[in-house]
């Protein structure tokens, strides 16, 4: 049995994964329902998969977190305590996260092997280029987009799908959190 792989990403309405403005973490739109839901998503056993750049960004954010950044939220703490595989040709162990290991080699081969061998689901939060490559080969089972009610036309950074192939999406689930944030879960199929 192969493990499911979920590409989990935050986005503004105009498809940016982050910003360089004064919005704050979650674009300042997090509420208790979103935070509780995120914690519930990360409560079950699962393995995280990151690319080297996203792993470095998380480590940097964790080291420089401020109140309101969201970095100290319980779901983030839970995420960093889960076993993680970091796909990298440059990082060396030991890593800053307690249960993280480096996997060197081709990301597609590494994740295909993880899917075959893992007893728990796999999840990646962020890691855009890694997940675009995995989607193109059919290794991503679910794309989970948390859509925040903002447009970041001036301050948006990291377009979440610029550079990805074309995909058809089958909507599997949708929910509204705190009355304004949408979570959309799709099954991607290469177009």
N, C-alpha and C. Protein backbone atom coordinates (compact mmCIF):
# COMPACT_ATOMS: atom_id res chain seq x y z
N UNK A 1 0.84 -1.19 0.00
CA UNK A 1 0.00 0.00 0.00
C UNK A 1 0.88 1.24 0.00
N UNK A 2 0.57 2.18 -0.86
CA UNK A 2 1.37 3.40 -0.89
C UNK A 2 0.73 4.48 -0.02
N UNK A 3 1.59 5.24 0.62
CA UNK A 3 1.15 6.34 1.46
C UNK A 3 0.64 7.48 0.59
N UNK A 4 -0.34 8.22 1.09
CA UNK A 4 -0.80 9.40 0.38
C UNK A 4 0.18 10.55 0.61
N UNK A 5 0.28 11.42 -0.37
CA UNK A 5 1.16 12.58 -0.30
C UNK A 5 0.32 13.82 -0.52
N UNK A 6 0.36 14.75 0.44
CA UNK A 6 -0.39 16.00 0.36
C UNK A 6 0.57 17.18 0.26
N UNK A 7 0.36 18.00 -0.76
CA UNK A 7 1.06 19.27 -0.93
C UNK A 7 0.17 20.32 -0.28
N UNK A 8 0.61 20.86 0.84
CA UNK A 8 -0.16 21.77 1.69
C UNK A 8 0.45 23.17 1.54
N UNK A 9 -0.37 24.14 1.11
CA UNK A 9 0.18 25.46 0.82
C UNK A 9 -0.80 26.56 1.24
N UNK A 10 -0.26 27.67 1.71
CA UNK A 10 -1.04 28.87 2.00
C UNK A 10 -0.98 29.79 0.79
N UNK A 11 -2.07 30.54 0.55
CA UNK A 11 -2.10 31.42 -0.62
C UNK A 11 -2.98 32.63 -0.38
N UNK A 12 -2.59 33.73 -1.01
CA UNK A 12 -3.48 34.89 -1.14
C UNK A 12 -4.42 34.59 -2.31
N UNK A 13 -5.47 35.40 -2.47
CA UNK A 13 -6.40 35.18 -3.58
C UNK A 13 -5.68 35.25 -4.92
N UNK A 14 -4.64 36.07 -5.02
CA UNK A 14 -3.89 36.19 -6.27
C UNK A 14 -2.71 35.22 -6.34
N UNK A 15 -2.77 34.16 -5.56
CA UNK A 15 -1.87 33.00 -5.66
C UNK A 15 -0.44 33.24 -5.21
N UNK A 16 -0.24 34.13 -4.26
CA UNK A 16 1.10 34.29 -3.68
C UNK A 16 1.18 33.53 -2.37
N UNK A 17 2.32 32.87 -2.16
CA UNK A 17 2.52 32.07 -0.96
C UNK A 17 3.06 32.85 0.22
N UNK A 18 3.53 34.06 -0.02
CA UNK A 18 4.03 34.90 1.06
C UNK A 18 4.00 36.36 0.58
N UNK A 19 4.50 37.24 1.43
CA UNK A 19 4.48 38.66 1.11
C UNK A 19 5.66 39.36 1.77
N UNK A 20 5.95 40.56 1.31
CA UNK A 20 6.99 41.37 1.95
C UNK A 20 6.39 42.65 2.53
N UNK A 21 5.10 42.61 2.80
CA UNK A 21 4.40 43.78 3.36
C UNK A 21 4.29 43.71 4.87
N UNK A 22 3.41 44.54 5.40
CA UNK A 22 3.23 44.61 6.85
C UNK A 22 2.00 43.84 7.31
N UNK A 23 1.61 42.81 6.57
CA UNK A 23 0.42 42.03 6.89
C UNK A 23 0.59 41.21 8.17
N UNK A 24 1.78 40.69 8.42
CA UNK A 24 1.99 39.74 9.51
C UNK A 24 1.79 38.32 9.01
N UNK A 25 1.99 37.35 9.91
CA UNK A 25 1.79 35.95 9.56
C UNK A 25 0.34 35.69 9.18
N UNK A 26 0.11 34.75 8.29
CA UNK A 26 -1.23 34.42 7.79
C UNK A 26 -1.93 35.65 7.21
N UNK A 27 -1.18 36.64 6.79
CA UNK A 27 -1.73 37.89 6.29
C UNK A 27 -2.62 38.55 7.34
N UNK A 28 -2.44 38.21 8.61
CA UNK A 28 -3.23 38.78 9.69
C UNK A 28 -4.66 38.28 9.73
N UNK A 29 -4.95 37.19 9.04
CA UNK A 29 -6.33 36.71 8.92
C UNK A 29 -6.60 35.41 9.68
N UNK A 30 -5.67 34.96 10.52
CA UNK A 30 -5.90 33.72 11.25
C UNK A 30 -6.92 33.97 12.36
N UNK A 31 -7.67 32.94 12.63
CA UNK A 31 -8.63 32.98 13.73
C UNK A 31 -8.57 31.66 14.47
N UNK A 32 -9.33 31.51 15.52
CA UNK A 32 -9.26 30.30 16.33
C UNK A 32 -9.66 29.04 15.57
N UNK A 33 -10.62 29.15 14.68
CA UNK A 33 -11.05 27.97 13.93
C UNK A 33 -9.94 27.48 13.01
N UNK A 34 -9.27 28.40 12.32
CA UNK A 34 -8.14 28.03 11.45
C UNK A 34 -7.03 27.37 12.27
N UNK A 35 -6.67 27.99 13.38
CA UNK A 35 -5.56 27.46 14.19
C UNK A 35 -5.90 26.09 14.77
N UNK A 36 -7.13 25.90 15.23
CA UNK A 36 -7.55 24.59 15.74
C UNK A 36 -7.56 23.55 14.63
N UNK A 37 -8.04 23.94 13.45
CA UNK A 37 -8.07 23.02 12.32
C UNK A 37 -6.66 22.61 11.90
N UNK A 38 -5.75 23.57 11.85
CA UNK A 38 -4.36 23.25 11.48
C UNK A 38 -3.74 22.28 12.49
N UNK A 39 -3.99 22.51 13.77
CA UNK A 39 -3.46 21.60 14.79
C UNK A 39 -4.04 20.19 14.60
N UNK A 40 -5.33 20.09 14.31
CA UNK A 40 -5.95 18.79 14.08
C UNK A 40 -5.36 18.09 12.86
N UNK A 41 -5.03 18.86 11.81
CA UNK A 41 -4.40 18.27 10.61
C UNK A 41 -3.06 17.64 10.92
N UNK A 42 -2.33 18.26 11.83
CA UNK A 42 -0.98 17.80 12.14
C UNK A 42 -0.93 16.86 13.35
N UNK A 43 -2.06 16.61 13.98
CA UNK A 43 -2.09 15.73 15.16
C UNK A 43 -1.77 14.27 14.83
N UNK A 44 -2.34 13.71 13.76
CA UNK A 44 -2.02 12.30 13.45
C UNK A 44 -0.56 12.13 13.05
N UNK A 45 -0.07 10.93 13.23
CA UNK A 45 1.28 10.62 12.79
C UNK A 45 1.36 10.77 11.27
N UNK A 46 2.40 11.39 10.82
CA UNK A 46 2.68 11.57 9.41
C UNK A 46 4.14 11.96 9.26
N UNK A 47 4.63 11.92 8.05
CA UNK A 47 6.02 12.32 7.77
C UNK A 47 5.99 13.56 6.91
N UNK A 48 6.76 14.55 7.32
CA UNK A 48 6.90 15.78 6.56
C UNK A 48 7.98 15.59 5.49
N UNK A 49 7.81 16.26 4.36
CA UNK A 49 8.80 16.24 3.29
C UNK A 49 9.04 17.70 2.88
N UNK A 50 10.31 18.11 2.90
CA UNK A 50 10.67 19.48 2.55
C UNK A 50 11.82 19.48 1.56
N UNK A 51 11.87 20.52 0.76
CA UNK A 51 13.07 20.83 0.00
C UNK A 51 14.02 21.60 0.91
N UNK A 52 15.26 21.71 0.51
CA UNK A 52 16.28 22.36 1.34
C UNK A 52 15.96 23.82 1.60
N UNK A 53 15.48 24.56 0.58
CA UNK A 53 15.20 25.98 0.76
C UNK A 53 14.08 26.22 1.77
N UNK A 54 13.01 25.45 1.66
CA UNK A 54 11.90 25.60 2.61
C UNK A 54 12.34 25.22 4.01
N UNK A 55 13.12 24.16 4.13
CA UNK A 55 13.63 23.78 5.45
C UNK A 55 14.45 24.93 6.05
N UNK A 56 15.34 25.51 5.26
CA UNK A 56 16.15 26.64 5.74
C UNK A 56 15.27 27.82 6.16
N UNK A 57 14.23 28.11 5.37
CA UNK A 57 13.32 29.21 5.71
C UNK A 57 12.60 28.94 7.03
N UNK A 58 12.14 27.71 7.23
CA UNK A 58 11.47 27.37 8.49
C UNK A 58 12.42 27.52 9.67
N UNK A 59 13.64 27.03 9.54
CA UNK A 59 14.61 27.15 10.62
C UNK A 59 14.88 28.61 10.94
N UNK A 60 15.03 29.43 9.89
CA UNK A 60 15.27 30.87 10.09
C UNK A 60 14.07 31.52 10.77
N UNK A 61 12.85 31.20 10.31
CA UNK A 61 11.65 31.78 10.91
C UNK A 61 11.50 31.37 12.37
N UNK A 62 11.78 30.11 12.65
CA UNK A 62 11.67 29.63 14.03
C UNK A 62 12.66 30.34 14.94
N UNK A 63 13.83 30.64 14.41
CA UNK A 63 14.85 31.31 15.21
C UNK A 63 14.60 32.79 15.41
N UNK A 64 13.81 33.39 14.52
CA UNK A 64 13.59 34.83 14.62
C UNK A 64 12.11 35.18 14.81
N UNK A 65 11.34 34.26 15.36
CA UNK A 65 9.90 34.48 15.47
C UNK A 65 9.58 35.61 16.44
N UNK A 66 8.50 36.30 16.09
CA UNK A 66 7.99 37.37 16.94
C UNK A 66 6.52 37.08 17.22
N UNK A 67 5.97 37.73 18.22
CA UNK A 67 4.56 37.56 18.51
C UNK A 67 3.75 38.02 17.30
N UNK A 68 2.78 37.21 16.93
CA UNK A 68 1.95 37.54 15.77
C UNK A 68 2.46 36.97 14.46
N UNK A 69 3.65 36.39 14.46
CA UNK A 69 4.19 35.83 13.23
C UNK A 69 3.56 34.49 12.89
N UNK A 70 2.97 33.82 13.89
CA UNK A 70 2.38 32.51 13.67
C UNK A 70 3.36 31.38 13.84
N UNK A 71 4.63 31.69 13.93
CA UNK A 71 5.66 30.65 14.01
C UNK A 71 5.55 29.84 15.30
N UNK A 72 5.09 30.46 16.38
CA UNK A 72 4.97 29.75 17.64
C UNK A 72 3.63 29.09 17.87
N UNK A 73 2.76 29.09 16.84
CA UNK A 73 1.45 28.47 17.00
C UNK A 73 1.59 26.97 17.22
N UNK A 74 0.66 26.37 17.99
CA UNK A 74 0.77 24.94 18.32
C UNK A 74 0.90 24.02 17.11
N UNK A 75 0.22 24.32 15.99
CA UNK A 75 0.33 23.43 14.84
C UNK A 75 1.74 23.47 14.26
N UNK A 76 2.41 24.62 14.32
CA UNK A 76 3.78 24.72 13.80
C UNK A 76 4.71 23.93 14.71
N UNK A 77 4.51 24.05 16.02
CA UNK A 77 5.32 23.26 16.97
C UNK A 77 5.13 21.77 16.70
N UNK A 78 3.89 21.36 16.47
CA UNK A 78 3.61 19.95 16.17
C UNK A 78 4.30 19.54 14.87
N UNK A 79 4.22 20.39 13.84
CA UNK A 79 4.84 20.06 12.56
C UNK A 79 6.34 19.83 12.74
N UNK A 80 7.00 20.68 13.53
CA UNK A 80 8.45 20.54 13.69
C UNK A 80 8.83 19.35 14.54
N UNK A 81 7.86 18.75 15.24
CA UNK A 81 8.17 17.56 16.03
C UNK A 81 7.94 16.27 15.26
N UNK A 82 7.30 16.36 14.11
CA UNK A 82 7.05 15.17 13.29
C UNK A 82 8.32 14.72 12.58
N UNK A 83 8.42 13.43 12.27
CA UNK A 83 9.55 12.99 11.45
C UNK A 83 9.52 13.72 10.11
N UNK A 84 10.69 14.09 9.63
CA UNK A 84 10.78 14.84 8.38
C UNK A 84 11.92 14.34 7.53
N UNK A 85 11.68 14.34 6.23
CA UNK A 85 12.72 14.07 5.25
C UNK A 85 12.97 15.37 4.50
N UNK A 86 14.22 15.80 4.47
CA UNK A 86 14.61 17.01 3.75
C UNK A 86 15.42 16.57 2.53
N UNK A 87 14.88 16.84 1.36
CA UNK A 87 15.54 16.47 0.12
C UNK A 87 16.56 17.56 -0.19
N UNK A 88 17.85 17.19 -0.18
CA UNK A 88 18.89 18.20 -0.36
C UNK A 88 20.19 17.57 -0.81
N UNK A 89 20.89 18.27 -1.68
CA UNK A 89 22.24 17.85 -2.05
C UNK A 89 23.27 18.68 -1.30
N UNK A 90 22.83 19.68 -0.52
CA UNK A 90 23.78 20.58 0.15
C UNK A 90 23.75 20.50 1.67
N UNK A 91 22.60 20.18 2.26
CA UNK A 91 22.53 20.11 3.72
C UNK A 91 23.20 18.85 4.25
N UNK A 92 23.72 18.97 5.45
CA UNK A 92 24.35 17.83 6.12
C UNK A 92 23.69 17.64 7.49
N UNK A 93 23.65 16.40 7.94
CA UNK A 93 23.14 16.11 9.29
C UNK A 93 24.24 16.38 10.30
N UNK A 94 23.89 16.71 11.53
CA UNK A 94 22.54 16.74 12.08
C UNK A 94 21.84 18.04 11.71
N UNK A 95 20.52 17.95 11.56
CA UNK A 95 19.70 19.11 11.25
C UNK A 95 19.15 19.71 12.54
N UNK A 96 18.62 20.92 12.44
CA UNK A 96 18.13 21.64 13.61
C UNK A 96 16.83 21.05 14.17
N UNK A 97 16.10 20.28 13.36
CA UNK A 97 14.86 19.66 13.85
C UNK A 97 15.20 18.28 14.40
N UNK A 98 14.57 17.90 15.50
CA UNK A 98 14.96 16.65 16.17
C UNK A 98 14.74 15.38 15.36
N UNK A 99 13.71 15.31 14.53
CA UNK A 99 13.40 14.08 13.80
C UNK A 99 13.57 14.24 12.29
N UNK A 100 14.46 15.14 11.88
CA UNK A 100 14.66 15.40 10.46
C UNK A 100 15.92 14.71 9.96
N UNK A 101 15.81 14.14 8.78
CA UNK A 101 16.96 13.51 8.13
C UNK A 101 17.10 14.06 6.72
N UNK A 102 18.31 14.02 6.20
CA UNK A 102 18.58 14.47 4.84
C UNK A 102 18.52 13.27 3.91
N UNK A 103 17.86 13.46 2.77
CA UNK A 103 17.86 12.45 1.72
C UNK A 103 18.50 13.08 0.49
N UNK A 104 19.60 12.51 0.06
CA UNK A 104 20.31 13.03 -1.11
C UNK A 104 19.92 12.21 -2.34
N UNK A 105 19.81 12.90 -3.46
CA UNK A 105 19.45 12.22 -4.69
C UNK A 105 18.29 12.90 -5.37
N UNK A 106 17.71 12.22 -6.33
CA UNK A 106 16.61 12.76 -7.11
C UNK A 106 15.33 12.78 -6.27
N UNK A 107 14.69 13.94 -6.18
CA UNK A 107 13.50 14.09 -5.33
C UNK A 107 12.38 13.13 -5.75
N UNK A 108 12.19 12.93 -7.03
CA UNK A 108 11.13 12.03 -7.50
C UNK A 108 11.40 10.61 -7.02
N UNK A 109 12.64 10.15 -7.14
CA UNK A 109 12.98 8.80 -6.66
C UNK A 109 12.82 8.69 -5.15
N UNK A 110 13.25 9.72 -4.43
CA UNK A 110 13.17 9.71 -2.96
C UNK A 110 11.72 9.63 -2.51
N UNK A 111 10.86 10.47 -3.08
CA UNK A 111 9.46 10.49 -2.64
C UNK A 111 8.73 9.24 -3.12
N UNK A 112 9.04 8.73 -4.29
CA UNK A 112 8.43 7.48 -4.74
C UNK A 112 8.76 6.36 -3.75
N UNK A 113 10.01 6.31 -3.31
CA UNK A 113 10.40 5.30 -2.33
C UNK A 113 9.69 5.51 -1.00
N UNK A 114 9.63 6.77 -0.54
CA UNK A 114 8.92 7.07 0.71
C UNK A 114 7.46 6.65 0.64
N UNK A 115 6.81 6.92 -0.48
CA UNK A 115 5.41 6.54 -0.63
C UNK A 115 5.24 5.03 -0.53
N UNK A 116 6.16 4.29 -1.09
CA UNK A 116 6.08 2.82 -1.04
C UNK A 116 6.38 2.27 0.35
N UNK A 117 7.31 2.89 1.07
CA UNK A 117 7.78 2.34 2.34
C UNK A 117 7.08 2.89 3.58
N UNK A 118 6.45 4.05 3.47
CA UNK A 118 5.91 4.71 4.66
C UNK A 118 4.61 4.07 5.14
N UNK A 119 4.53 3.92 6.46
CA UNK A 119 3.31 3.43 7.10
C UNK A 119 2.36 4.57 7.44
N UNK A 120 2.81 5.80 7.25
CA UNK A 120 2.00 6.97 7.59
C UNK A 120 1.91 7.89 6.37
N UNK A 121 0.90 8.76 6.31
CA UNK A 121 0.80 9.70 5.20
C UNK A 121 2.00 10.65 5.16
N UNK A 122 2.25 11.19 3.97
CA UNK A 122 3.31 12.16 3.76
C UNK A 122 2.66 13.52 3.50
N UNK A 123 3.29 14.57 4.03
CA UNK A 123 2.76 15.93 3.86
C UNK A 123 3.93 16.88 3.67
N UNK A 124 3.74 17.84 2.77
CA UNK A 124 4.74 18.87 2.55
C UNK A 124 4.05 20.21 2.66
N UNK A 125 4.57 21.08 3.51
CA UNK A 125 4.03 22.43 3.62
C UNK A 125 5.04 23.37 2.97
N UNK A 126 4.64 23.98 1.86
CA UNK A 126 5.57 24.82 1.11
C UNK A 126 6.34 24.00 0.09
N UNK A 127 7.66 24.25 -0.01
CA UNK A 127 8.53 23.50 -0.93
C UNK A 127 7.97 23.51 -2.35
N UNK A 128 7.79 24.70 -2.90
CA UNK A 128 7.11 24.86 -4.18
C UNK A 128 7.74 24.07 -5.32
N UNK A 129 9.01 24.31 -5.63
CA UNK A 129 9.60 23.65 -6.80
C UNK A 129 9.68 22.14 -6.61
N UNK A 130 9.93 21.69 -5.40
CA UNK A 130 9.92 20.25 -5.11
C UNK A 130 8.55 19.68 -5.46
N UNK A 131 7.50 20.32 -4.99
CA UNK A 131 6.15 19.79 -5.21
C UNK A 131 5.68 19.93 -6.65
N UNK A 132 6.15 20.96 -7.37
CA UNK A 132 5.82 21.03 -8.79
C UNK A 132 6.38 19.81 -9.52
N UNK A 133 7.63 19.46 -9.20
CA UNK A 133 8.26 18.29 -9.84
C UNK A 133 7.51 17.01 -9.48
N UNK A 134 7.11 16.89 -8.23
CA UNK A 134 6.38 15.69 -7.80
C UNK A 134 5.00 15.62 -8.44
N UNK A 135 4.34 16.76 -8.57
CA UNK A 135 3.03 16.78 -9.23
C UNK A 135 3.15 16.34 -10.68
N UNK A 136 4.19 16.79 -11.36
CA UNK A 136 4.38 16.47 -12.78
C UNK A 136 4.56 14.97 -13.01
N UNK A 137 5.00 14.24 -11.98
CA UNK A 137 5.20 12.80 -12.13
C UNK A 137 4.07 11.99 -11.49
N UNK A 138 3.04 12.68 -11.00
CA UNK A 138 1.89 11.97 -10.44
C UNK A 138 2.06 11.52 -9.00
N UNK A 139 3.08 12.01 -8.30
CA UNK A 139 3.32 11.56 -6.93
C UNK A 139 2.50 12.33 -5.88
N UNK A 140 1.91 13.46 -6.26
CA UNK A 140 1.10 14.24 -5.31
C UNK A 140 -0.34 13.78 -5.43
N UNK A 141 -0.89 13.28 -4.33
CA UNK A 141 -2.26 12.79 -4.32
C UNK A 141 -3.27 13.88 -4.05
N UNK A 142 -2.86 14.86 -3.23
CA UNK A 142 -3.76 15.95 -2.85
C UNK A 142 -3.01 17.27 -2.83
N UNK A 143 -3.66 18.31 -3.34
CA UNK A 143 -3.17 19.67 -3.21
C UNK A 143 -4.14 20.36 -2.26
N UNK A 144 -3.64 20.79 -1.12
CA UNK A 144 -4.47 21.44 -0.10
C UNK A 144 -4.07 22.91 -0.04
N UNK A 145 -4.96 23.77 -0.53
CA UNK A 145 -4.69 25.20 -0.56
C UNK A 145 -5.55 25.88 0.50
N UNK A 146 -4.89 26.60 1.40
CA UNK A 146 -5.60 27.44 2.36
C UNK A 146 -5.54 28.84 1.79
N UNK A 147 -6.71 29.35 1.40
CA UNK A 147 -6.83 30.60 0.67
C UNK A 147 -7.26 31.72 1.62
N UNK A 148 -6.34 32.65 1.85
CA UNK A 148 -6.61 33.76 2.75
C UNK A 148 -7.25 34.91 1.98
N UNK A 149 -8.18 35.64 2.61
CA UNK A 149 -8.95 36.68 1.92
C UNK A 149 -8.17 37.98 1.76
N UNK A 150 -7.13 37.93 0.93
CA UNK A 150 -6.32 39.10 0.65
C UNK A 150 -5.86 39.05 -0.80
N UNK A 151 -5.58 40.22 -1.35
CA UNK A 151 -4.91 40.35 -2.64
C UNK A 151 -3.61 41.08 -2.37
N UNK A 152 -2.51 40.46 -2.77
CA UNK A 152 -1.19 41.03 -2.47
C UNK A 152 -0.48 41.44 -3.76
N UNK A 153 -1.20 42.20 -4.58
CA UNK A 153 -0.66 42.61 -5.87
C UNK A 153 0.64 43.39 -5.77
N UNK A 154 0.84 44.15 -4.71
CA UNK A 154 2.06 44.95 -4.54
C UNK A 154 3.11 44.24 -3.69
N UNK A 155 2.69 43.44 -2.74
CA UNK A 155 3.64 42.86 -1.78
C UNK A 155 3.76 41.34 -1.89
N UNK A 156 3.04 40.72 -2.81
CA UNK A 156 3.07 39.26 -2.94
C UNK A 156 4.41 38.73 -3.38
N UNK A 157 4.78 37.59 -2.82
CA UNK A 157 6.02 36.89 -3.19
C UNK A 157 5.72 35.41 -3.34
N UNK A 158 6.52 34.74 -4.12
CA UNK A 158 6.45 33.31 -4.33
C UNK A 158 5.10 32.85 -4.87
N UNK A 159 4.84 33.11 -6.16
CA UNK A 159 3.61 32.59 -6.77
C UNK A 159 3.58 31.07 -6.63
N UNK A 160 2.51 30.55 -6.06
CA UNK A 160 2.53 29.14 -5.65
C UNK A 160 2.51 28.15 -6.81
N UNK A 161 2.07 28.57 -8.00
CA UNK A 161 2.06 27.63 -9.11
C UNK A 161 2.79 28.13 -10.35
N UNK A 162 3.47 29.28 -10.28
CA UNK A 162 4.24 29.75 -11.44
C UNK A 162 5.43 28.81 -11.60
N UNK A 163 5.52 28.20 -12.75
CA UNK A 163 6.58 27.24 -13.00
C UNK A 163 6.09 25.80 -12.98
N UNK A 164 4.88 25.59 -12.48
CA UNK A 164 4.32 24.23 -12.46
C UNK A 164 3.77 23.89 -13.85
N UNK A 165 3.56 22.62 -14.09
CA UNK A 165 2.91 22.17 -15.32
C UNK A 165 1.42 22.53 -15.25
N UNK A 166 0.67 22.17 -16.28
CA UNK A 166 -0.78 22.37 -16.29
C UNK A 166 -1.46 21.14 -15.69
N UNK A 167 -2.47 21.39 -14.85
CA UNK A 167 -3.18 20.30 -14.18
C UNK A 167 -4.67 20.52 -14.21
N UNK A 168 -5.40 19.43 -14.31
CA UNK A 168 -6.82 19.44 -14.04
C UNK A 168 -6.96 19.08 -12.57
N UNK A 169 -7.96 19.69 -11.91
CA UNK A 169 -8.14 19.48 -10.48
C UNK A 169 -9.54 18.96 -10.19
N UNK A 170 -9.60 17.89 -9.41
CA UNK A 170 -10.88 17.37 -8.94
C UNK A 170 -11.05 17.83 -7.49
N UNK A 171 -12.11 18.59 -7.22
CA UNK A 171 -12.35 19.08 -5.88
C UNK A 171 -12.81 17.93 -4.99
N UNK A 172 -12.06 17.68 -3.90
CA UNK A 172 -12.39 16.61 -2.96
C UNK A 172 -13.09 17.13 -1.71
N UNK A 173 -12.63 18.28 -1.21
CA UNK A 173 -13.20 18.86 0.01
C UNK A 173 -13.06 20.37 -0.04
N UNK A 174 -13.96 21.03 0.68
CA UNK A 174 -13.86 22.46 0.86
C UNK A 174 -14.45 22.81 2.22
N UNK A 175 -13.87 23.81 2.86
CA UNK A 175 -14.42 24.29 4.13
C UNK A 175 -14.07 25.76 4.28
N UNK A 176 -14.91 26.44 5.05
CA UNK A 176 -14.67 27.84 5.39
C UNK A 176 -14.27 27.89 6.85
N UNK A 177 -13.20 28.60 7.14
CA UNK A 177 -12.69 28.72 8.50
C UNK A 177 -12.79 30.16 8.96
N UNK A 178 -13.28 30.36 10.15
CA UNK A 178 -13.43 31.70 10.73
C UNK A 178 -14.28 32.63 9.87
N UNK A 179 -15.14 32.05 9.03
CA UNK A 179 -16.06 32.84 8.24
C UNK A 179 -15.47 33.52 7.02
N UNK A 180 -14.13 33.33 6.75
CA UNK A 180 -13.55 34.05 5.61
C UNK A 180 -12.38 33.36 4.93
N UNK A 181 -11.78 32.38 5.55
CA UNK A 181 -10.64 31.68 4.94
C UNK A 181 -11.13 30.36 4.37
N UNK A 182 -10.75 30.08 3.12
CA UNK A 182 -11.18 28.87 2.45
C UNK A 182 -10.07 27.82 2.45
N UNK A 183 -10.45 26.58 2.70
CA UNK A 183 -9.52 25.47 2.50
C UNK A 183 -10.10 24.63 1.37
N UNK A 184 -9.28 24.42 0.36
CA UNK A 184 -9.69 23.66 -0.83
C UNK A 184 -8.73 22.50 -0.99
N UNK A 185 -9.27 21.29 -1.13
CA UNK A 185 -8.44 20.11 -1.30
C UNK A 185 -8.80 19.48 -2.64
N UNK A 186 -7.79 19.33 -3.49
CA UNK A 186 -7.97 18.82 -4.84
C UNK A 186 -7.13 17.57 -5.09
N UNK A 187 -7.58 16.76 -6.05
CA UNK A 187 -6.75 15.70 -6.61
C UNK A 187 -6.23 16.21 -7.95
N UNK A 188 -4.90 16.37 -8.10
CA UNK A 188 -4.37 16.90 -9.37
C UNK A 188 -4.13 15.78 -10.38
N UNK A 189 -4.40 16.09 -11.64
CA UNK A 189 -4.10 15.20 -12.76
C UNK A 189 -3.42 16.03 -13.82
N UNK A 190 -2.28 15.56 -14.29
CA UNK A 190 -1.54 16.28 -15.34
C UNK A 190 -2.46 16.46 -16.54
N UNK A 191 -2.53 17.68 -17.05
CA UNK A 191 -3.42 18.00 -18.18
C UNK A 191 -2.77 17.58 -19.49
